[in-house]
Protein backbone atom coordinates (compact mmCIF):
# COMPACT_ATOMS: atom_id res chain seq x y z
CA MET A 1 -116.84 27.15 8.75
CA THR A 2 -116.51 23.59 7.62
CA ALA A 3 -114.21 20.79 9.85
CA ALA A 4 -111.85 20.77 7.16
CA ALA A 5 -111.31 23.91 6.96
CA ALA A 6 -110.81 24.44 10.58
CA PRO A 7 -107.31 23.12 10.95
CA ALA A 8 -106.07 24.81 7.50
CA LEU A 9 -107.64 27.99 9.19
CA LYS A 10 -105.70 26.96 12.26
CA ALA A 11 -102.07 26.29 10.78
CA GLN A 12 -101.95 29.70 8.74
CA ARG A 13 -101.99 30.86 12.22
CA ARG A 14 -99.87 29.13 14.06
CA SER A 15 -97.35 29.54 11.08
CA LEU A 16 -97.20 33.24 11.51
CA TYR A 17 -96.40 33.03 14.71
CA PRO A 18 -92.68 32.65 14.55
CA SER A 19 -92.49 35.64 11.68
CA TRP A 20 -93.52 38.35 14.73
CA PHE A 21 -90.07 37.22 16.01
CA TYR A 22 -88.20 39.11 13.43
CA ALA A 23 -90.33 42.41 14.12
CA PRO A 24 -87.95 43.45 17.05
CA ALA A 25 -84.75 43.58 14.65
CA ALA A 26 -87.07 44.92 11.65
CA VAL A 27 -88.34 47.37 13.43
CA ILE A 28 -84.53 48.73 14.84
CA TYR A 29 -83.17 47.74 11.17
CA ALA A 30 -85.69 50.25 9.57
CA VAL A 31 -84.76 53.20 12.58
CA LEU A 32 -81.53 52.97 12.62
CA PHE A 33 -80.63 52.05 8.82
CA LEU A 34 -83.54 52.67 5.94
CA ALA A 35 -84.89 55.85 7.44
CA PRO A 36 -81.08 57.61 7.91
CA THR A 37 -80.41 56.39 4.06
CA PHE A 38 -83.74 57.40 2.87
CA ALA A 39 -83.08 60.84 4.51
CA SER A 40 -79.87 61.20 3.36
CA LEU A 41 -80.93 60.96 -0.58
CA TYR A 42 -83.35 63.63 0.06
CA PHE A 43 -80.73 65.78 2.06
CA SER A 44 -78.18 65.25 -0.85
CA LEU A 45 -80.55 66.86 -3.73
CA THR A 46 -81.38 70.20 -1.03
CA ARG A 47 -79.07 72.94 0.24
CA TRP A 48 -79.77 72.29 3.86
CA SER A 49 -78.73 73.90 7.21
CA LEU A 50 -80.23 72.95 10.70
CA SER A 51 -83.59 74.55 10.65
CA SER A 52 -84.29 74.86 6.56
CA ALA A 53 -83.98 73.05 3.62
CA VAL A 54 -84.63 74.28 -0.05
CA PHE A 55 -84.55 71.82 -2.82
CA ILE A 56 -81.72 72.16 -5.52
CA GLY A 57 -81.97 68.95 -7.46
CA PHE A 58 -78.55 67.10 -8.57
CA GLU A 59 -76.49 70.85 -8.19
CA ASN A 60 -74.64 69.26 -4.56
CA PHE A 61 -73.17 66.10 -7.04
CA ALA A 62 -72.71 68.36 -9.83
CA GLN A 63 -70.60 70.69 -7.16
CA PHE A 64 -69.14 67.08 -5.74
CA PHE A 65 -67.34 66.39 -9.45
CA ARG A 66 -66.51 69.96 -10.21
CA GLU A 67 -64.15 70.14 -7.35
CA PRO A 68 -60.69 68.97 -8.05
CA PHE A 69 -59.51 68.21 -4.66
CA LEU A 70 -63.03 66.29 -4.05
CA ILE A 71 -62.05 64.47 -6.89
CA GLN A 72 -58.66 63.25 -5.64
CA GLY A 73 -60.26 62.38 -2.64
CA LEU A 74 -62.24 59.71 -4.43
CA VAL A 75 -59.15 58.50 -6.29
CA ASN A 76 -56.86 58.07 -3.26
CA THR A 77 -59.82 56.10 -1.46
CA VAL A 78 -59.85 53.62 -3.93
CA VAL A 79 -55.69 53.31 -4.14
CA TYR A 80 -56.01 53.42 -0.18
CA ALA A 81 -58.23 50.72 -0.65
CA ALA A 82 -56.08 49.07 -2.77
CA ILE A 83 -52.35 49.02 -1.34
CA SER A 84 -54.27 48.36 2.15
CA SER A 85 -56.47 45.12 1.24
CA GLY A 86 -53.71 43.67 -1.26
CA LEU A 87 -50.69 44.21 1.25
CA LYS A 88 -53.37 42.40 4.27
CA VAL A 89 -54.35 39.46 2.18
CA VAL A 90 -50.28 38.58 1.12
CA LEU A 91 -49.13 39.35 4.41
CA GLY A 92 -51.71 37.42 6.11
CA MET A 93 -51.26 34.48 4.49
CA LEU A 94 -47.55 34.15 4.78
CA LEU A 95 -48.02 34.55 8.44
CA ALA A 96 -50.84 31.90 8.66
CA LEU A 97 -48.50 29.78 7.36
CA MET A 98 -45.78 30.72 9.48
CA LEU A 99 -48.48 30.34 12.41
CA THR A 100 -49.47 27.28 11.53
CA SER A 101 -46.54 24.94 10.66
CA GLN A 102 -44.26 23.87 13.72
CA ILE A 103 -42.97 26.76 14.89
CA MET A 104 -41.74 27.45 18.54
CA GLY A 105 -44.23 29.87 20.24
CA ARG A 106 -46.84 30.25 17.87
CA GLY A 107 -49.24 30.54 20.40
CA TYR A 108 -47.62 33.87 22.12
CA LEU A 109 -46.81 34.75 18.51
CA ARG A 110 -50.41 34.43 16.90
CA SER A 111 -51.47 37.24 20.42
CA VAL A 112 -48.84 39.18 19.44
CA ILE A 113 -49.80 39.42 16.22
CA PHE A 114 -53.08 40.41 16.40
CA PHE A 115 -52.89 42.31 19.44
CA PRO A 116 -52.62 45.87 17.33
CA VAL A 117 -56.21 44.95 15.69
CA LEU A 118 -57.47 45.45 19.51
CA VAL A 119 -55.62 48.71 19.99
CA SER A 120 -57.91 52.16 19.52
CA THR A 121 -57.50 53.33 16.04
CA VAL A 122 -56.93 57.47 17.02
CA GLY A 123 -54.07 55.94 19.96
CA VAL A 124 -51.91 53.90 16.67
CA GLY A 125 -52.63 57.11 14.34
CA MET A 126 -51.63 59.45 17.08
CA THR A 127 -48.20 56.76 18.24
CA PHE A 128 -47.39 56.46 14.56
CA THR A 129 -47.42 60.11 13.91
CA VAL A 130 -44.55 60.68 16.41
CA LEU A 131 -42.46 57.92 15.42
CA MET A 132 -42.81 58.89 11.63
CA HIS A 133 -41.72 62.73 12.37
CA PRO A 134 -39.16 63.71 10.01
CA THR A 135 -36.69 64.72 11.91
CA ASN A 136 -37.54 63.11 15.43
CA GLY A 137 -39.32 60.53 14.82
CA MET A 138 -38.41 56.74 16.13
CA ILE A 139 -37.99 55.47 12.72
CA ASN A 140 -35.60 57.65 10.62
CA GLU A 141 -33.48 57.38 13.46
CA ALA A 142 -32.94 53.85 13.41
CA LEU A 143 -32.28 54.30 9.74
CA SER A 144 -30.20 57.30 10.72
CA LEU A 145 -27.79 54.87 11.96
CA ILE A 146 -27.28 52.11 9.30
CA GLY A 147 -26.65 55.58 7.03
CA ILE A 148 -30.32 56.04 5.17
CA LYS A 149 -32.03 59.16 5.22
CA GLY A 150 -35.69 58.67 6.19
CA PRO A 151 -37.91 60.50 4.34
CA GLY A 152 -40.84 62.85 5.11
CA TRP A 153 -43.41 59.74 5.97
CA LEU A 154 -46.23 62.25 6.24
CA VAL A 155 -45.28 65.55 5.10
CA ASP A 156 -44.32 64.38 1.65
CA PRO A 157 -47.14 64.39 -0.82
CA LYS A 158 -46.06 61.56 -2.87
CA LEU A 159 -45.90 59.54 0.58
CA ALA A 160 -48.26 60.79 3.16
CA LEU A 161 -51.41 58.00 1.51
CA PHE A 162 -49.38 55.43 1.10
CA SER A 163 -46.98 55.55 4.95
CA VAL A 164 -51.00 55.95 6.27
CA ALA A 165 -51.94 52.51 4.11
CA LEU A 166 -48.86 50.61 5.70
CA VAL A 167 -50.13 51.82 9.36
CA ASP A 168 -53.38 50.59 8.60
CA VAL A 169 -51.72 47.46 7.43
CA TRP A 170 -50.02 47.26 10.62
CA LYS A 171 -53.48 47.31 12.95
CA GLY A 172 -55.68 45.05 10.42
CA VAL A 173 -53.08 42.54 9.34
CA GLY A 174 -53.98 40.58 12.64
CA LEU A 175 -57.57 40.57 11.65
CA ALA A 176 -56.33 38.44 7.85
CA THR A 177 -54.15 36.26 9.42
CA VAL A 178 -56.87 34.62 12.15
CA ILE A 179 -58.74 34.66 9.55
CA TYR A 180 -56.51 32.31 6.86
CA ILE A 181 -55.44 30.22 9.91
CA ALA A 182 -58.94 29.14 10.32
CA GLY A 183 -59.01 28.84 6.59
CA LEU A 184 -55.72 26.80 6.71
CA VAL A 185 -56.37 24.18 9.65
CA ALA A 186 -59.98 23.81 7.44
CA ILE A 187 -58.18 22.20 5.24
CA PRO A 188 -58.12 18.23 5.24
CA LYS A 189 -54.61 16.81 5.06
CA ASP A 190 -55.31 14.08 2.72
CA TYR A 191 -54.32 16.64 0.26
CA TYR A 192 -51.68 17.12 1.40
CA GLU A 193 -50.93 13.39 1.79
CA ALA A 194 -51.63 12.89 -1.89
CA ALA A 195 -49.31 15.71 -3.08
CA ARG A 196 -46.64 14.26 -1.08
CA ILE A 197 -47.00 10.85 -2.68
CA ASP A 198 -46.97 12.49 -6.19
CA GLY A 199 -43.30 13.99 -4.87
CA ALA A 200 -44.82 17.79 -5.25
CA THR A 201 -42.36 20.38 -3.79
CA PRO A 202 -43.41 22.71 -0.56
CA LEU A 203 -43.58 25.46 -3.24
CA GLN A 204 -45.78 23.42 -5.44
CA ASN A 205 -48.45 22.08 -1.98
CA PHE A 206 -48.96 26.32 -1.68
CA PHE A 207 -49.55 27.26 -5.09
CA TYR A 208 -52.00 23.56 -6.41
CA VAL A 209 -53.77 22.68 -2.69
CA THR A 210 -53.06 25.64 0.01
CA LEU A 211 -53.97 28.53 -2.07
CA PRO A 212 -57.12 27.05 -4.39
CA LEU A 213 -58.27 25.38 -0.85
CA SER A 214 -57.65 28.50 0.84
CA ARG A 215 -60.20 30.64 -1.31
CA PRO A 216 -62.91 31.10 0.93
CA ALA A 217 -61.08 32.85 3.61
CA THR A 218 -58.76 34.89 0.77
CA ALA A 219 -62.71 36.37 -0.31
CA THR A 220 -63.54 37.17 2.93
CA VAL A 221 -60.04 39.00 3.77
CA ILE A 222 -60.17 40.88 0.46
CA THR A 223 -64.13 41.86 1.15
CA LEU A 224 -63.54 42.90 4.63
CA SER A 225 -60.09 44.86 3.70
CA PHE A 226 -61.76 46.40 1.09
CA ILE A 227 -64.12 47.57 2.62
CA GLY A 228 -62.96 49.00 5.48
CA GLY A 229 -60.40 50.58 3.26
CA LEU A 230 -62.83 52.56 1.10
CA ARG A 231 -64.34 53.80 4.40
CA THR A 232 -61.47 54.79 6.05
CA PHE A 233 -61.41 58.28 8.21
CA ASP A 234 -60.07 57.89 11.66
CA LEU A 235 -56.67 56.79 10.91
CA ILE A 236 -56.59 59.28 7.86
CA TRP A 237 -57.58 62.02 10.27
CA ALA A 238 -55.75 61.20 13.44
CA MET A 239 -52.18 61.40 11.16
CA THR A 240 -52.31 64.10 8.41
CA LYS A 241 -55.98 65.20 8.61
CA GLY A 242 -56.06 64.72 4.59
CA GLY A 243 -52.67 66.58 4.26
CA PRO A 244 -50.17 68.10 2.99
CA GLY A 245 -52.83 69.87 1.25
CA PHE A 246 -54.93 67.13 -0.10
CA ALA A 247 -52.20 64.35 -0.67
CA SER A 248 -54.07 61.87 1.47
CA ASP A 249 -57.45 62.95 2.01
CA THR A 250 -60.37 60.19 1.50
CA VAL A 251 -64.11 60.79 1.09
CA ALA A 252 -64.53 60.08 3.94
CA SER A 253 -62.34 63.01 5.27
CA VAL A 254 -63.37 65.22 2.21
CA ILE A 255 -67.24 64.98 4.02
CA TYR A 256 -66.42 65.54 7.32
CA LYS A 257 -64.42 68.33 6.29
CA GLN A 258 -67.58 69.65 4.22
CA TYR A 259 -69.32 69.48 7.49
CA GLN A 260 -67.20 71.49 9.12
CA ALA A 261 -67.38 74.47 6.73
CA GLY A 262 -71.25 74.20 6.68
CA PHE A 263 -71.95 72.81 3.51
CA TYR A 264 -74.39 70.36 4.86
CA GLY A 265 -75.87 69.62 1.36
CA LEU A 266 -72.56 69.10 -0.42
CA SER A 267 -71.03 66.94 2.44
CA THR A 268 -74.53 64.30 2.18
CA ALA A 269 -73.99 63.91 -1.69
CA GLY A 270 -70.55 62.90 -0.70
CA ASN A 271 -71.86 60.11 1.28
CA VAL A 272 -74.47 58.79 -0.60
CA VAL A 273 -71.45 58.87 -3.88
CA LEU A 274 -69.26 57.01 -0.95
CA PHE A 275 -72.15 54.84 -0.55
CA ILE A 276 -72.37 54.29 -4.48
CA LEU A 277 -68.78 53.83 -4.94
CA ILE A 278 -68.56 51.24 -2.31
CA ALA A 279 -71.80 49.22 -3.24
CA VAL A 280 -70.56 49.43 -7.35
CA LEU A 281 -67.14 47.89 -6.51
CA VAL A 282 -67.47 45.82 -3.46
CA VAL A 283 -70.69 43.54 -5.27
CA PRO A 284 -68.96 42.24 -8.39
CA LEU A 285 -65.76 41.84 -6.42
CA THR A 286 -67.61 39.80 -3.64
CA MET A 287 -69.75 37.82 -6.65
CA PHE A 288 -66.31 36.92 -8.80
CA LEU A 289 -64.79 35.74 -5.76
CA ASN A 290 -67.54 33.77 -4.63
CA ARG A 291 -68.19 32.67 -7.91
CA LYS A 292 -66.85 29.05 -6.66
CA GLN A 293 -66.29 28.11 -3.66
CA GLY A 294 -65.27 25.04 -1.32
CA PHE A 295 -63.00 21.97 -1.98
CA GLU A 296 -63.44 21.87 -5.73
């Protein structure tokens, strides 16, 4: 080995040293994510039980799309995600505007609005199941005091999914509000000062300054809320178990019912469909929302 080659070889060995620090994370990622993902892909092509697996190709996927209630769960999932994420964006922005103004007790109000995020989802679901009872629920009893007959929030097939989505918004809007607050306080005051000099009204300030410059926060809220809506299960199961009938079933709750019934291959195929659905909807959405960010 020449004297000139020795330092180069030593530098190469030294450059590999930091890479070893990635190894533990890579192993954990491979064991907890990659291995189950590829296993799910394989088992979705089989009719399997805890003791055996028979390869049947794409029969599970064909069966999945032949079942009307499975298709209904797929539609409900997209509708639920759109409703919950849309309301979280609108309400989160409005609450953030209020809580970044000179309102009295805004620190306390921020804590109150964020508190539902910390509460157990199952606990929230059980509580609102009682509150939304069609005859004895506190919500309908309060409506009856002002002469309004309360609907069957969780027993009416037309309202069940929307009712659960509203509870999801109540629980999750606090996180959206915090994200928006961080985005609003990061907007330089110079923009508002320039708008004031130009004679902009508060409404013009919102549409031409606040809304465009809070785009990174909006992208984050939409992405997180939409993914959470597509993956929802615990709140649906705690409040309606997918009922009445299949009116509020989502893909996740249908998958769970299939596991309960012993159709493991079909439910695994449902998991793969849900994974593909999230990827197909969220990846383009994220690219669209992040295509132009920053103070431009």
